[in-house]
Amino acid sequence: MPELKQIFSTLPNPENQYVTYQDFRNPRRNFHHPDAEQLFETHQEEIMQIVRKELSDYLNDEDLCNDEEDMFPRRCFLTGEWYVSELSSFDNEPDVFFSVQTAFLGTDLGCPDDYLGLEVLLYYDENTGRFESDGINSEAL
């Protein structure tokens, strides 16, 4: 597995559109809880630390990612580069849940392009004032 490297866009996303590598802009933002955007901004370092750990754990799990012929995703296609494509929140009283959608680049088509989407789910624990992981979802891009 190549070293994971987050890539960042400097292009604005004024219309809050879906982001792809071909149209690489700042992440789409969909904060549905009234305090979610401020909560995210305040805890962004903590959130992204959890996200990086979850991504690494997923990609280093032989049962979820390897180089077997019929496997998806296949490590041999991953470049290691990834970006955040969407940040969102949703309410599930009394908790606030967040989704950080990421996209990994792969070379399965011969050149770097979107290959694997991993969505890290988190929730905010009001009692501790900290975020906790609530799982990860994957999809082919």
C-alpha atoms as a PDB file:
ATOM      1  CA  MET A   1       0.000   0.000   0.000  1.00  0.00           C
ATOM      2  CA  PRO A   2       1.452   3.376  -0.952  1.00  0.00           C
ATOM      3  CA  GLU A   3       1.679   6.029   1.732  1.00  0.00           C
ATOM      4  CA  LEU A   4      -1.609   7.889   2.181  1.00  0.00           C
ATOM      5  CA  LYS A   5      -1.434  11.509   1.070  1.00  0.00           C
ATOM      6  CA  GLN A   6      -4.351  13.891   1.387  1.00  0.00           C
ATOM      7  CA  ILE A   7      -4.636  16.335  -1.496  1.00  0.00           C
ATOM      8  CA  PHE A   8      -6.387  19.674  -1.221  1.00  0.00           C
ATOM      9  CA  SER A   9      -8.172  21.880  -3.721  1.00  0.00           C
ATOM     10  CA  THR A  10      -7.736  25.625  -3.822  1.00  0.00           C
ATOM     11  CA  LEU A  11     -10.735  26.084  -6.106  1.00  0.00           C
ATOM     12  CA  PRO A  12     -13.909  27.427  -4.495  1.00  0.00           C
ATOM     13  CA  ASN A  13     -17.191  25.571  -4.735  1.00  0.00           C
ATOM     14  CA  PRO A  14     -19.677  28.488  -4.635  1.00  0.00           C
ATOM     15  CA  GLU A  15     -22.601  26.416  -5.923  1.00  0.00           C
ATOM     16  CA  ASN A  16     -21.826  23.616  -3.447  1.00  0.00           C
ATOM     17  CA  GLN A  17     -21.654  21.029  -6.224  1.00  0.00           C
ATOM     18  CA  TYR A  18     -20.685  17.366  -6.040  1.00  0.00           C
ATOM     19  CA  VAL A  19     -16.881  17.088  -6.265  1.00  0.00           C
ATOM     20  CA  THR A  20     -14.880  14.716  -8.456  1.00  0.00           C
ATOM     21  CA  TYR A  21     -11.193  14.538  -9.338  1.00  0.00           C
ATOM     22  CA  GLN A  22     -12.037  15.799 -12.834  1.00  0.00           C
ATOM     23  CA  ASP A  23     -13.761  18.853 -11.301  1.00  0.00           C
ATOM     24  CA  PHE A  24     -11.571  19.183  -8.220  1.00  0.00           C
ATOM     25  CA  ARG A  25     -13.033  21.856  -5.936  1.00  0.00           C
ATOM     26  CA  ASN A  26     -13.365  22.426  -2.228  1.00  0.00           C
ATOM     27  CA  PRO A  27     -15.615  19.835  -0.559  1.00  0.00           C
ATOM     28  CA  ARG A  28     -19.365  20.054  -0.840  1.00  0.00           C
ATOM     29  CA  ARG A  29     -20.894  21.050   2.521  1.00  0.00           C
ATOM     30  CA  ASN A  30     -24.308  19.949   3.754  1.00  0.00           C
ATOM     31  CA  PHE A  31     -24.679  20.772   7.418  1.00  0.00           C
ATOM     32  CA  HIS A  32     -28.285  20.063   8.382  1.00  0.00           C
ATOM     33  CA  HIS A  33     -27.958  20.498  12.135  1.00  0.00           C
ATOM     34  CA  PRO A  34     -28.052  24.201  13.105  1.00  0.00           C
ATOM     35  CA  ASP A  35     -24.770  24.116  15.070  1.00  0.00           C
ATOM     36  CA  ALA A  36     -22.977  21.531  12.946  1.00  0.00           C
ATOM     37  CA  GLU A  37     -20.769  23.778  10.813  1.00  0.00           C
ATOM     38  CA  GLN A  38     -19.423  25.609  13.861  1.00  0.00           C
ATOM     39  CA  LEU A  39     -18.965  22.286  15.664  1.00  0.00           C
ATOM     40  CA  PHE A  40     -17.039  20.929  12.690  1.00  0.00           C
ATOM     41  CA  GLU A  41     -14.812  24.001  12.434  1.00  0.00           C
ATOM     42  CA  THR A  42     -14.037  23.895  16.165  1.00  0.00           C
ATOM     43  CA  HIS A  43     -13.163  20.178  16.107  1.00  0.00           C
ATOM     44  CA  GLN A  44     -11.782  19.869  12.572  1.00  0.00           C
ATOM     45  CA  GLU A  45      -8.329  18.659  13.645  1.00  0.00           C
ATOM     46  CA  GLU A  46      -9.827  15.987  15.918  1.00  0.00           C
ATOM     47  CA  ILE A  47     -12.321  14.909  13.235  1.00  0.00           C
ATOM     48  CA  MET A  48      -9.686  14.619  10.526  1.00  0.00           C
ATOM     49  CA  GLN A  49      -7.386  12.649  12.833  1.00  0.00           C
ATOM     50  CA  ILE A  50     -10.208  10.111  13.328  1.00  0.00           C
ATOM     51  CA  VAL A  51     -10.907  10.073   9.579  1.00  0.00           C
ATOM     52  CA  ARG A  52      -7.243   9.402   8.705  1.00  0.00           C
ATOM     53  CA  LYS A  53      -7.100   6.533  11.222  1.00  0.00           C
ATOM     54  CA  GLU A  54     -10.319   4.957   9.893  1.00  0.00           C
ATOM     55  CA  LEU A  55      -9.107   5.238   6.288  1.00  0.00           C
ATOM     56  CA  SER A  56      -5.756   3.670   7.129  1.00  0.00           C
ATOM     57  CA  ASP A  57      -7.392   0.863   9.115  1.00  0.00           C
ATOM     58  CA  TYR A  58      -9.753   0.090   6.218  1.00  0.00           C
ATOM     59  CA  LEU A  59      -7.061   0.052   3.552  1.00  0.00           C
ATOM     60  CA  ASN A  60      -4.715  -2.066   5.668  1.00  0.00           C
ATOM     61  CA  ASP A  61      -7.361  -4.696   6.437  1.00  0.00           C
ATOM     62  CA  GLU A  62      -6.616  -7.712   4.230  1.00  0.00           C
ATOM     63  CA  ASP A  63     -10.278  -8.756   4.302  1.00  0.00           C
ATOM     64  CA  LEU A  64     -11.415  -5.392   2.900  1.00  0.00           C
ATOM     65  CA  CYS A  65      -8.590  -4.408   0.569  1.00  0.00           C
ATOM     66  CA  ASN A  66      -5.959  -6.586  -1.102  1.00  0.00           C
ATOM     67  CA  ASP A  67      -4.654  -7.509  -4.550  1.00  0.00           C
ATOM     68  CA  GLU A  68      -6.694 -10.625  -5.298  1.00  0.00           C
ATOM     69  CA  GLU A  69      -8.051 -10.684  -8.852  1.00  0.00           C
ATOM     70  CA  ASP A  70     -11.732 -10.512  -7.849  1.00  0.00           C
ATOM     71  CA  MET A  71     -11.228  -7.985  -5.019  1.00  0.00           C
ATOM     72  CA  PHE A  72     -12.448  -4.410  -4.834  1.00  0.00           C
ATOM     73  CA  PRO A  73     -10.678  -2.289  -3.953  1.00  0.00           C
ATOM     74  CA  ARG A  74      -7.332  -3.608  -5.114  1.00  0.00           C
ATOM     75  CA  ARG A  75      -4.283  -2.052  -3.486  1.00  0.00           C
ATOM     76  CA  CYS A  76      -2.247  -2.300  -6.678  1.00  0.00           C
ATOM     77  CA  PHE A  77      -4.523   0.327  -8.261  1.00  0.00           C
ATOM     78  CA  LEU A  78      -4.480   2.801  -5.365  1.00  0.00           C
ATOM     79  CA  THR A  79      -2.107   5.762  -5.699  1.00  0.00           C
ATOM     80  CA  GLY A  80      -2.404   6.638  -2.007  1.00  0.00           C
ATOM     81  CA  GLU A  81      -3.788  10.077  -2.826  1.00  0.00           C
ATOM     82  CA  TRP A  82      -7.185  11.011  -1.440  1.00  0.00           C
ATOM     83  CA  TYR A  83      -9.363  14.047  -0.868  1.00  0.00           C
ATOM     84  CA  VAL A  84     -12.462  15.056   1.042  1.00  0.00           C
ATOM     85  CA  SER A  85     -15.377  15.336  -1.367  1.00  0.00           C
ATOM     86  CA  GLU A  86     -18.242  16.127   1.027  1.00  0.00           C
ATOM     87  CA  LEU A  87     -18.872  17.110   4.625  1.00  0.00           C
ATOM     88  CA  SER A  88     -22.354  16.688   6.011  1.00  0.00           C
ATOM     89  CA  SER A  89     -24.272  16.356   9.225  1.00  0.00           C
ATOM     90  CA  PHE A  90     -27.600  14.986  10.281  1.00  0.00           C
ATOM     91  CA  ASP A  91     -29.601  15.062  13.443  1.00  0.00           C
ATOM     92  CA  ASN A  92     -30.460  12.019  15.472  1.00  0.00           C
ATOM     93  CA  GLU A  93     -31.521  13.579  18.759  1.00  0.00           C
ATOM     94  CA  PRO A  94     -29.843  13.901  21.128  1.00  0.00           C
ATOM     95  CA  ASP A  95     -26.697  13.268  19.029  1.00  0.00           C
ATOM     96  CA  VAL A  96     -25.211  15.085  16.074  1.00  0.00           C
ATOM     97  CA  PHE A  97     -23.798  12.786  13.396  1.00  0.00           C
ATOM     98  CA  PHE A  98     -21.273  13.723  10.740  1.00  0.00           C
ATOM     99  CA  SER A  99     -20.298  12.159   7.449  1.00  0.00           C
ATOM    100  CA  VAL A 100     -16.909  12.799   5.860  1.00  0.00           C
ATOM    101  CA  GLN A 101     -16.962  11.496   2.287  1.00  0.00           C
ATOM    102  CA  THR A 102     -13.523  10.795   0.860  1.00  0.00           C
ATOM    103  CA  ALA A 103     -12.357   9.762  -2.594  1.00  0.00           C
ATOM    104  CA  PHE A 104      -9.220   7.766  -3.334  1.00  0.00           C
ATOM    105  CA  LEU A 105      -7.451   7.922  -6.662  1.00  0.00           C
ATOM    106  CA  GLY A 106      -6.712   4.753  -8.560  1.00  0.00           C
ATOM    107  CA  THR A 107      -5.035   3.801 -11.818  1.00  0.00           C
ATOM    108  CA  ASP A 108      -7.356   0.993 -12.886  1.00  0.00           C
ATOM    109  CA  LEU A 109      -8.158   2.922 -16.075  1.00  0.00           C
ATOM    110  CA  GLY A 110      -4.494   3.708 -16.828  1.00  0.00           C
ATOM    111  CA  CYS A 111      -4.303   7.169 -15.256  1.00  0.00           C
ATOM    112  CA  PRO A 112      -5.183   8.609 -11.846  1.00  0.00           C
ATOM    113  CA  ASP A 113      -8.918   9.091 -11.383  1.00  0.00           C
ATOM    114  CA  ASP A 114     -11.610   8.540  -8.737  1.00  0.00           C
ATOM    115  CA  TYR A 115     -11.525   4.877  -7.739  1.00  0.00           C
ATOM    116  CA  LEU A 116     -12.750   4.287  -4.194  1.00  0.00           C
ATOM    117  CA  GLY A 117     -15.121   6.249  -1.998  1.00  0.00           C
ATOM    118  CA  LEU A 118     -14.919   5.831   1.760  1.00  0.00           C
ATOM    119  CA  GLU A 119     -17.453   7.555   3.994  1.00  0.00           C
ATOM    120  CA  VAL A 120     -16.421   7.914   7.630  1.00  0.00           C
ATOM    121  CA  LEU A 121     -19.329   8.353  10.021  1.00  0.00           C
ATOM    122  CA  LEU A 122     -18.827  10.136  13.335  1.00  0.00           C
ATOM    123  CA  TYR A 123     -20.974  11.291  16.192  1.00  0.00           C
ATOM    124  CA  TYR A 124     -20.472  14.033  18.728  1.00  0.00           C
ATOM    125  CA  ASP A 125     -20.741  12.939  22.357  1.00  0.00           C
ATOM    126  CA  GLU A 126     -22.186  15.883  24.285  1.00  0.00           C
ATOM    127  CA  ASN A 127     -21.098  14.331  27.599  1.00  0.00           C
ATOM    128  CA  THR A 128     -17.396  14.147  26.713  1.00  0.00           C
ATOM    129  CA  GLY A 129     -17.263  16.965  24.170  1.00  0.00           C
ATOM    130  CA  ARG A 130     -15.468  14.638  21.746  1.00  0.00           C
ATOM    131  CA  PHE A 131     -16.120  12.940  18.445  1.00  0.00           C
ATOM    132  CA  GLU A 132     -16.234   9.157  18.068  1.00  0.00           C
ATOM    133  CA  SER A 133     -16.168   6.983  14.961  1.00  0.00           C
ATOM    134  CA  ASP A 134     -19.462   5.322  14.069  1.00  0.00           C
ATOM    135  CA  GLY A 135     -18.217   3.203  11.163  1.00  0.00           C
ATOM    136  CA  ILE A 136     -17.153   3.389   7.559  1.00  0.00           C
ATOM    137  CA  ASN A 137     -18.932   2.745   4.243  1.00  0.00           C
ATOM    138  CA  SER A 138     -17.305   2.044   0.895  1.00  0.00           C
ATOM    139  CA  GLU A 139     -18.295   2.472  -2.729  1.00  0.00           C
ATOM    140  CA  ALA A 140     -16.755   2.214  -6.165  1.00  0.00           C
ATOM    141  CA  LEU A 141     -16.383   5.590  -7.884  1.00  0.00           C
END
